[in-house]
Amino acid sequence: MKSLDVVVAALLVIGGLNWGLVGFFNFDLVATIFGPMSFLSRAVYVIVGICALYQAAQWKAIQRRWQPVTA
């Protein structure tokens, strides 16, 4: 599950950076790459949204998984 946590975190960082670009510079990198509201850009937005829901739902479980194992 740690691999999934890392992928989700990476996608959330990418999504956050895109929102930062939108907020600061009115520049949507996803729309620039894939086209405004094309199928691919919508898919990216949906995947990032699902990652956010996963992260929110798994917050405590992720914290426990990343704690060092003590003998």
PDB file of N, CA and C in Angstrom:
ATOM      1  N   MET A   1       0.811  -1.207   0.000  1.00  0.00           N
ATOM      2  CA  MET A   1       0.000   0.000   0.000  1.00  0.00           C
ATOM      3  C   MET A   1       0.850   1.264   0.000  1.00  0.00           C
ATOM      4  N   LYS A   2       2.102   1.164   0.444  1.00  0.00           N
ATOM      5  CA  LYS A   2       2.934   2.360   0.440  1.00  0.00           C
ATOM      6  C   LYS A   2       3.128   2.891  -0.979  1.00  0.00           C
ATOM      7  N   SER A   3       3.224   1.991  -1.952  1.00  0.00           N
ATOM      8  CA  SER A   3       3.395   2.436  -3.341  1.00  0.00           C
ATOM      9  C   SER A   3       2.194   3.256  -3.790  1.00  0.00           C
ATOM     10  N   LEU A   4       0.993   2.796  -3.466  1.00  0.00           N
ATOM     11  CA  LEU A   4      -0.217   3.536  -3.816  1.00  0.00           C
ATOM     12  C   LEU A   4      -0.214   4.895  -3.117  1.00  0.00           C
ATOM     13  N   ASP A   5       0.199   4.933  -1.860  1.00  0.00           N
ATOM     14  CA  ASP A   5       0.259   6.196  -1.121  1.00  0.00           C
ATOM     15  C   ASP A   5       1.202   7.187  -1.803  1.00  0.00           C
ATOM     16  N   VAL A   6       2.327   6.696  -2.292  1.00  0.00           N
ATOM     17  CA  VAL A   6       3.296   7.566  -2.955  1.00  0.00           C
ATOM     18  C   VAL A   6       2.737   8.091  -4.278  1.00  0.00           C
ATOM     19  N   VAL A   7       2.083   7.229  -5.051  1.00  0.00           N
ATOM     20  CA  VAL A   7       1.485   7.653  -6.322  1.00  0.00           C
ATOM     21  C   VAL A   7       0.401   8.697  -6.064  1.00  0.00           C
ATOM     22  N   VAL A   8      -0.444   8.442  -5.080  1.00  0.00           N
ATOM     23  CA  VAL A   8      -1.518   9.386  -4.744  1.00  0.00           C
ATOM     24  C   VAL A   8      -0.926  10.723  -4.319  1.00  0.00           C
ATOM     25  N   ALA A   9       0.097  10.692  -3.467  1.00  0.00           N
ATOM     26  CA  ALA A   9       0.718  11.937  -3.012  1.00  0.00           C
ATOM     27  C   ALA A   9       1.329  12.703  -4.189  1.00  0.00           C
ATOM     28  N   ALA A  10       1.979  11.998  -5.095  1.00  0.00           N
ATOM     29  CA  ALA A  10       2.584  12.654  -6.257  1.00  0.00           C
ATOM     30  C   ALA A  10       1.517  13.312  -7.130  1.00  0.00           C
ATOM     31  N   LEU A  11       0.415  12.610  -7.367  1.00  0.00           N
ATOM     32  CA  LEU A  11      -0.659  13.183  -8.180  1.00  0.00           C
ATOM     33  C   LEU A  11      -1.306  14.386  -7.492  1.00  0.00           C
ATOM     34  N   LEU A  12      -1.398  14.343  -6.166  1.00  0.00           N
ATOM     35  CA  LEU A  12      -1.955  15.487  -5.446  1.00  0.00           C
ATOM     36  C   LEU A  12      -1.021  16.684  -5.515  1.00  0.00           C
ATOM     37  N   VAL A  13       0.278  16.456  -5.482  1.00  0.00           N
ATOM     38  CA  VAL A  13       1.232  17.559  -5.635  1.00  0.00           C
ATOM     39  C   VAL A  13       1.102  18.166  -7.028  1.00  0.00           C
ATOM     40  N   ILE A  14       1.022  17.313  -8.038  1.00  0.00           N
ATOM     41  CA  ILE A  14       0.856  17.806  -9.413  1.00  0.00           C
ATOM     42  C   ILE A  14      -0.437  18.613  -9.532  1.00  0.00           C
ATOM     43  N   GLY A  15      -1.523  18.092  -8.969  1.00  0.00           N
ATOM     44  CA  GLY A  15      -2.795  18.818  -8.996  1.00  0.00           C
ATOM     45  C   GLY A  15      -2.711  20.137  -8.244  1.00  0.00           C
ATOM     46  N   GLY A  16      -2.022  20.127  -7.109  1.00  0.00           N
ATOM     47  CA  GLY A  16      -1.864  21.362  -6.340  1.00  0.00           C
ATOM     48  C   GLY A  16      -1.044  22.403  -7.085  1.00  0.00           C
ATOM     49  N   LEU A  17       0.018  21.946  -7.744  1.00  0.00           N
ATOM     50  CA  LEU A  17       0.823  22.871  -8.543  1.00  0.00           C
ATOM     51  C   LEU A  17       0.004  23.455  -9.699  1.00  0.00           C
ATOM     52  N   ASN A  18      -0.826  22.629 -10.314  1.00  0.00           N
ATOM     53  CA  ASN A  18      -1.685  23.138 -11.394  1.00  0.00           C
ATOM     54  C   ASN A  18      -2.643  24.200 -10.856  1.00  0.00           C
ATOM     55  N   TRP A  19      -3.242  23.940  -9.688  1.00  0.00           N
ATOM     56  CA  TRP A  19      -4.146  24.935  -9.115  1.00  0.00           C
ATOM     57  C   TRP A  19      -3.397  26.205  -8.738  1.00  0.00           C
ATOM     58  N   GLY A  20      -2.147  26.057  -8.296  1.00  0.00           N
ATOM     59  CA  GLY A  20      -1.335  27.238  -8.009  1.00  0.00           C
ATOM     60  C   GLY A  20      -1.091  28.067  -9.257  1.00  0.00           C
ATOM     61  N   LEU A  21      -0.798  27.386 -10.365  1.00  0.00           N
ATOM     62  CA  LEU A  21      -0.624  28.100 -11.638  1.00  0.00           C
ATOM     63  C   LEU A  21      -1.906  28.814 -12.053  1.00  0.00           C
ATOM     64  N   VAL A  22      -3.040  28.147 -11.846  1.00  0.00           N
ATOM     65  CA  VAL A  22      -4.328  28.770 -12.190  1.00  0.00           C
ATOM     66  C   VAL A  22      -4.550  30.007 -11.319  1.00  0.00           C
ATOM     67  N   GLY A  23      -4.289  29.870 -10.034  1.00  0.00           N
ATOM     68  CA  GLY A  23      -4.532  30.989  -9.114  1.00  0.00           C
ATOM     69  C   GLY A  23      -3.599  32.163  -9.321  1.00  0.00           C
ATOM     70  N   PHE A  24      -2.320  31.886  -9.506  1.00  0.00           N
ATOM     71  CA  PHE A  24      -1.344  32.973  -9.625  1.00  0.00           C
ATOM     72  C   PHE A  24      -1.278  33.579 -11.026  1.00  0.00           C
ATOM     73  N   PHE A  25      -1.352  32.730 -12.028  1.00  0.00           N
ATOM     74  CA  PHE A  25      -1.082  33.202 -13.387  1.00  0.00           C
ATOM     75  C   PHE A  25      -2.228  32.983 -14.374  1.00  0.00           C
ATOM     76  N   ASN A  26      -3.357  32.449 -13.889  1.00  0.00           N
ATOM     77  CA  ASN A  26      -4.493  32.133 -14.755  1.00  0.00           C
ATOM     78  C   ASN A  26      -4.047  31.228 -15.908  1.00  0.00           C
ATOM     79  N   PHE A  27      -3.199  30.243 -15.578  1.00  0.00           N
ATOM     80  CA  PHE A  27      -2.640  29.323 -16.572  1.00  0.00           C
ATOM     81  C   PHE A  27      -2.916  27.895 -16.133  1.00  0.00           C
ATOM     82  N   ASP A  28      -3.716  27.177 -16.893  1.00  0.00           N
ATOM     83  CA  ASP A  28      -4.064  25.790 -16.585  1.00  0.00           C
ATOM     84  C   ASP A  28      -3.177  24.870 -17.424  1.00  0.00           C
ATOM     85  N   LEU A  29      -2.172  24.288 -16.788  1.00  0.00           N
ATOM     86  CA  LEU A  29      -1.204  23.448 -17.499  1.00  0.00           C
ATOM     87  C   LEU A  29      -1.864  22.205 -18.079  1.00  0.00           C
ATOM     88  N   VAL A  30      -2.791  21.603 -17.346  1.00  0.00           N
ATOM     89  CA  VAL A  30      -3.478  20.404 -17.841  1.00  0.00           C
ATOM     90  C   VAL A  30      -4.256  20.730 -19.114  1.00  0.00           C
ATOM     91  N   ALA A  31      -4.976  21.833 -19.101  1.00  0.00           N
ATOM     92  CA  ALA A  31      -5.743  22.236 -20.289  1.00  0.00           C
ATOM     93  C   ALA A  31      -4.817  22.591 -21.448  1.00  0.00           C
ATOM     94  N   THR A  32      -3.659  23.153 -21.135  1.00  0.00           N
ATOM     95  CA  THR A  32      -2.702  23.493 -22.180  1.00  0.00           C
ATOM     96  C   THR A  32      -2.149  22.233 -22.839  1.00  0.00           C
ATOM     97  N   ILE A  33      -1.868  21.222 -22.038  1.00  0.00           N
ATOM     98  CA  ILE A  33      -1.290  19.982 -22.567  1.00  0.00           C
ATOM     99  C   ILE A  33      -2.336  19.151 -23.302  1.00  0.00           C
ATOM    100  N   PHE A  34      -3.508  18.966 -22.693  1.00  0.00           N
ATOM    101  CA  PHE A  34      -4.502  18.031 -23.224  1.00  0.00           C
ATOM    102  C   PHE A  34      -5.681  18.693 -23.925  1.00  0.00           C
ATOM    103  N   GLY A  35      -5.784  20.011 -23.846  1.00  0.00           N
ATOM    104  CA  GLY A  35      -6.909  20.714 -24.447  1.00  0.00           C
ATOM    105  C   GLY A  35      -7.940  21.053 -23.380  1.00  0.00           C
ATOM    106  N   PRO A  36      -8.583  22.211 -23.531  1.00  0.00           N
ATOM    107  CA  PRO A  36      -9.558  22.627 -22.519  1.00  0.00           C
ATOM    108  C   PRO A  36     -10.769  21.689 -22.496  1.00  0.00           C
ATOM    109  N   MET A  37     -10.958  21.064 -21.381  1.00  0.00           N
ATOM    110  CA  MET A  37     -12.057  20.133 -21.106  1.00  0.00           C
ATOM    111  C   MET A  37     -12.169  19.025 -22.150  1.00  0.00           C
ATOM    112  N   SER A  38     -11.021  18.594 -22.651  1.00  0.00           N
ATOM    113  CA  SER A  38     -11.015  17.420 -23.517  1.00  0.00           C
ATOM    114  C   SER A  38     -11.206  16.183 -22.639  1.00  0.00           C
ATOM    115  N   PHE A  39     -11.367  15.052 -23.275  1.00  0.00           N
ATOM    116  CA  PHE A  39     -11.527  13.816 -22.516  1.00  0.00           C
ATOM    117  C   PHE A  39     -10.324  13.578 -21.605  1.00  0.00           C
ATOM    118  N   LEU A  40      -9.112  13.791 -22.132  1.00  0.00           N
ATOM    119  CA  LEU A  40      -7.909  13.542 -21.330  1.00  0.00           C
ATOM    120  C   LEU A  40      -7.764  14.526 -20.170  1.00  0.00           C
ATOM    121  N   SER A  41      -8.054  15.792 -20.398  1.00  0.00           N
ATOM    122  CA  SER A  41      -7.938  16.752 -19.296  1.00  0.00           C
ATOM    123  C   SER A  41      -8.978  16.461 -18.218  1.00  0.00           C
ATOM    124  N   ARG A  42     -10.176  16.088 -18.630  1.00  0.00           N
ATOM    125  CA  ARG A  42     -11.202  15.724 -17.642  1.00  0.00           C
ATOM    126  C   ARG A  42     -10.776  14.481 -16.871  1.00  0.00           C
ATOM    127  N   ALA A  43     -10.138  13.522 -17.562  1.00  0.00           N
ATOM    128  CA  ALA A  43      -9.657  12.313 -16.893  1.00  0.00           C
ATOM    129  C   ALA A  43      -8.601  12.662 -15.841  1.00  0.00           C
ATOM    130  N   VAL A  44      -7.704  13.585 -16.169  1.00  0.00           N
ATOM    131  CA  VAL A  44      -6.690  14.015 -15.192  1.00  0.00           C
ATOM    132  C   VAL A  44      -7.364  14.634 -13.977  1.00  0.00           C
ATOM    133  N   TYR A  45      -8.330  15.513 -14.207  1.00  0.00           N
ATOM    134  CA  TYR A  45      -9.030  16.151 -13.092  1.00  0.00           C
ATOM    135  C   TYR A  45      -9.756  15.121 -12.231  1.00  0.00           C
ATOM    136  N   VAL A  46     -10.391  14.142 -12.855  1.00  0.00           N
ATOM    137  CA  VAL A  46     -11.111  13.097 -12.116  1.00  0.00           C
ATOM    138  C   VAL A  46     -10.133  12.246 -11.301  1.00  0.00           C
ATOM    139  N   ILE A  47      -9.006  11.880 -11.897  1.00  0.00           N
ATOM    140  CA  ILE A  47      -8.021  11.058 -11.186  1.00  0.00           C
ATOM    141  C   ILE A  47      -7.465  11.806  -9.980  1.00  0.00           C
ATOM    142  N   VAL A  48      -7.150  13.083 -10.144  1.00  0.00           N
ATOM    143  CA  VAL A  48      -6.649  13.877  -9.015  1.00  0.00           C
ATOM    144  C   VAL A  48      -7.730  13.999  -7.936  1.00  0.00           C
ATOM    145  N   GLY A  49      -8.973  14.165  -8.332  1.00  0.00           N
ATOM    146  CA  GLY A  49     -10.068  14.226  -7.362  1.00  0.00           C
ATOM    147  C   GLY A  49     -10.230  12.924  -6.595  1.00  0.00           C
ATOM    148  N   ILE A  50     -10.121  11.800  -7.297  1.00  0.00           N
ATOM    149  CA  ILE A  50     -10.209  10.495  -6.633  1.00  0.00           C
ATOM    150  C   ILE A  50      -9.046  10.329  -5.660  1.00  0.00           C
ATOM    151  N   CYS A  51      -7.866  10.783  -6.062  1.00  0.00           N
ATOM    152  CA  CYS A  51      -6.708  10.717  -5.165  1.00  0.00           C
ATOM    153  C   CYS A  51      -6.944  11.538  -3.898  1.00  0.00           C
ATOM    154  N   ALA A  52      -7.564  12.692  -4.046  1.00  0.00           N
ATOM    155  CA  ALA A  52      -7.869  13.524  -2.882  1.00  0.00           C
ATOM    156  C   ALA A  52      -8.850  12.821  -1.948  1.00  0.00           C
ATOM    157  N   LEU A  53      -9.853  12.184  -2.513  1.00  0.00           N
ATOM    158  CA  LEU A  53     -10.806  11.432  -1.677  1.00  0.00           C
ATOM    159  C   LEU A  53     -10.118  10.274  -0.966  1.00  0.00           C
ATOM    160  N   TYR A  54      -9.258   9.559  -1.680  1.00  0.00           N
ATOM    161  CA  TYR A  54      -8.500   8.454  -1.076  1.00  0.00           C
ATOM    162  C   TYR A  54      -7.644   8.973   0.073  1.00  0.00           C
ATOM    163  N   GLN A  55      -6.940  10.058  -0.177  1.00  0.00           N
ATOM    164  CA  GLN A  55      -6.054  10.616   0.848  1.00  0.00           C
ATOM    165  C   GLN A  55      -6.852  11.025   2.083  1.00  0.00           C
ATOM    166  N   ALA A  56      -7.986  11.661   1.886  1.00  0.00           N
ATOM    167  CA  ALA A  56      -8.815  12.089   3.010  1.00  0.00           C
ATOM    168  C   ALA A  56      -9.361  10.901   3.784  1.00  0.00           C
ATOM    169  N   ALA A  57      -9.798   9.870   3.077  1.00  0.00           N
ATOM    170  CA  ALA A  57     -10.390   8.700   3.735  1.00  0.00           C
ATOM    171  C   ALA A  57      -9.341   7.848   4.451  1.00  0.00           C
ATOM    172  N   GLN A  58      -8.117   7.853   3.955  1.00  0.00           N
ATOM    173  CA  GLN A  58      -7.070   6.985   4.485  1.00  0.00           C
ATOM    174  C   GLN A  58      -6.079   7.709   5.396  1.00  0.00           C
ATOM    175  N   TRP A  59      -6.356   8.904   5.803  1.00  0.00           N
ATOM    176  CA  TRP A  59      -5.390   9.723   6.532  1.00  0.00           C
ATOM    177  C   TRP A  59      -4.772   8.985   7.721  1.00  0.00           C
ATOM    178  N   LYS A  60      -5.579   8.470   8.610  1.00  0.00           N
ATOM    179  CA  LYS A  60      -5.061   7.794   9.815  1.00  0.00           C
ATOM    180  C   LYS A  60      -4.348   6.496   9.457  1.00  0.00           C
ATOM    181  N   ALA A  61      -4.909   5.725   8.537  1.00  0.00           N
ATOM    182  CA  ALA A  61      -4.292   4.458   8.145  1.00  0.00           C
ATOM    183  C   ALA A  61      -2.931   4.699   7.488  1.00  0.00           C
ATOM    184  N   ILE A  62      -2.818   5.745   6.705  1.00  0.00           N
ATOM    185  CA  ILE A  62      -1.536   6.066   6.071  1.00  0.00           C
ATOM    186  C   ILE A  62      -0.513   6.447   7.134  1.00  0.00           C
ATOM    187  N   GLN A  63      -0.914   7.222   8.112  1.00  0.00           N
ATOM    188  CA  GLN A  63       0.011   7.596   9.186  1.00  0.00           C
ATOM    189  C   GLN A  63       0.530   6.355   9.908  1.00  0.00           C
ATOM    190  N   ARG A  64      -0.353   5.392  10.186  1.00  0.00           N
ATOM    191  CA  ARG A  64       0.069   4.169  10.869  1.00  0.00           C
ATOM    192  C   ARG A  64       1.020   3.357   9.990  1.00  0.00           C
ATOM    193  N   ARG A  65       0.741   3.255   8.694  1.00  0.00           N
ATOM    194  CA  ARG A  65       1.588   2.460   7.800  1.00  0.00           C
ATOM    195  C   ARG A  65       2.994   3.044   7.683  1.00  0.00           C
ATOM    196  N   TRP A  66       3.131   4.358   7.820  1.00  0.00           N
ATOM    197  CA  TRP A  66       4.435   4.982   7.622  1.00  0.00           C
ATOM    198  C   TRP A  66       5.224   5.103   8.921  1.00  0.00           C
ATOM    199  N   GLN A  67       4.662   4.682  10.038  1.00  0.00           N
ATOM    200  CA  GLN A  67       5.421   4.712  11.295  1.00  0.00           C
ATOM    201  C   GLN A  67       6.461   3.587  11.283  1.00  0.00           C
ATOM    202  N   PRO A  68       7.625   3.837  11.861  1.00  0.00           N
ATOM    203  CA  PRO A  68       8.643   2.790  11.906  1.00  0.00           C
ATOM    204  C   PRO A  68       8.163   1.600  12.723  1.00  0.00           C
ATOM    205  N   VAL A  69       8.563   0.432  12.292  1.00  0.00           N
ATOM    206  CA  VAL A  69       8.200  -0.807  12.992  1.00  0.00           C
ATOM    207  C   VAL A  69       9.162  -0.966  14.157  1.00  0.00           C
ATOM    208  N   THR A  70       8.594  -1.171  15.346  1.00  0.00           N
ATOM    209  CA  THR A  70       9.420  -1.386  16.536  1.00  0.00           C
ATOM    210  C   THR A  70       9.236  -2.816  16.997  1.00  0.00           C
ATOM    211  N   ALA A  71      10.325  -3.415  17.424  1.00  0.00           N
ATOM    212  CA  ALA A  71      10.268  -4.809  17.843  1.00  0.00           C
ATOM    213  C   ALA A  71       9.938  -4.967  19.289  1.00  0.00           C
TER     214      ALA A  71
END
